[in-house]
Amino acid sequence: MPYGMGLTDKISGRVKQAVGDLTDDPAMHREGRQVERKGEAKEELAEAQTKADRKAEEVANLERKTA
C-alpha cells in the first residue's frame, strides 16, 4: 500500500465532520470520524508493512552473509 493511501480518507472524514458540525448533524460528524479513523488505520498498516519489509530484507542479508 503506497504511503499516503489513507490521506484521502482522512481528509474526506474531516470534511464530513465539519459538515456535521455546521449542519448540527451528529450522525454526519460520527461518519466523518469513522472515515478519518479508517484513513489513519490504512496509514498504520502501510507503516507496519514497510517495517516488516525492511526486517525481512535485513534477515535475508544476514543469511546471505552467513551462507
Protein backbone atom coordinates (compact mmCIF):
# COMPACT_ATOMS: atom_id res chain seq x y z
CA MET A 1 0.00 0.00 0.00
CA PRO A 2 1.62 3.25 -1.07
CA TYR A 3 2.37 5.85 1.56
CA GLY A 4 -0.39 8.41 1.84
CA MET A 5 -3.03 5.88 0.83
CA GLY A 6 -5.14 6.84 3.85
CA LEU A 7 -4.76 10.57 3.29
CA THR A 8 -7.86 10.79 1.10
CA ASP A 9 -9.94 9.07 3.78
CA LYS A 10 -8.54 11.33 6.47
CA ILE A 11 -9.34 14.48 4.51
CA SER A 12 -12.78 13.22 3.50
CA GLY A 13 -13.51 12.30 7.10
CA ARG A 14 -12.52 15.72 8.36
CA VAL A 15 -14.73 17.39 5.76
CA LYS A 16 -17.70 15.22 6.81
CA GLN A 17 -17.06 16.08 10.45
CA ALA A 18 -17.03 19.78 9.62
CA VAL A 19 -20.23 19.47 7.61
CA GLY A 20 -21.81 17.60 10.50
CA ASP A 21 -20.76 20.37 12.88
CA LEU A 22 -22.02 23.13 10.58
CA THR A 23 -25.36 21.45 9.97
CA ASP A 24 -25.71 20.23 13.57
CA ASP A 25 -25.83 16.63 12.30
CA PRO A 26 -24.19 14.30 14.85
CA ALA A 27 -24.59 11.28 12.54
CA MET A 28 -22.59 13.02 9.79
CA HIS A 29 -19.94 14.00 12.32
CA ARG A 30 -19.68 10.37 13.54
CA GLU A 31 -19.47 9.09 9.99
CA GLY A 32 -16.69 11.55 9.29
CA ARG A 33 -14.78 10.38 12.36
CA GLN A 34 -15.13 6.77 11.21
CA VAL A 35 -13.82 7.62 7.74
CA GLU A 36 -10.93 9.59 9.23
CA ARG A 37 -10.07 6.67 11.53
CA LYS A 38 -10.13 4.32 8.52
CA GLY A 39 -7.53 6.55 6.86
CA GLU A 40 -5.40 6.52 9.99
CA ALA A 41 -5.61 2.72 10.10
CA LYS A 42 -4.53 2.47 6.45
CA GLU A 43 -1.50 4.62 7.22
CA GLU A 44 -0.66 2.49 10.27
CA LEU A 45 -0.93 -0.66 8.14
CA ALA A 46 1.34 0.79 5.45
CA GLU A 47 3.90 1.78 8.08
CA ALA A 48 3.83 -1.69 9.64
CA GLN A 49 4.23 -3.32 6.22
CA THR A 50 7.22 -1.10 5.44
CA LYS A 51 8.86 -2.07 8.74
CA ALA A 52 8.18 -5.76 8.09
CA ASP A 53 9.66 -5.49 4.60
CA ARG A 54 12.79 -3.84 5.99
CA LYS A 55 13.17 -6.56 8.61
CA ALA A 56 12.74 -9.30 6.01
CA GLU A 57 15.43 -7.68 3.87
CA GLU A 58 17.74 -7.40 6.88
CA VAL A 59 17.27 -11.09 7.70
CA ALA A 60 17.87 -12.08 4.07
CA ASN A 61 21.09 -10.03 4.02
CA LEU A 62 22.31 -11.67 7.24
CA GLU A 63 21.51 -15.13 5.88
CA ARG A 64 23.48 -14.41 2.72
CA LYS A 65 26.47 -13.30 4.78
CA THR A 66 26.48 -16.47 6.88
CA ALA A 67 25.89 -18.86 3.97
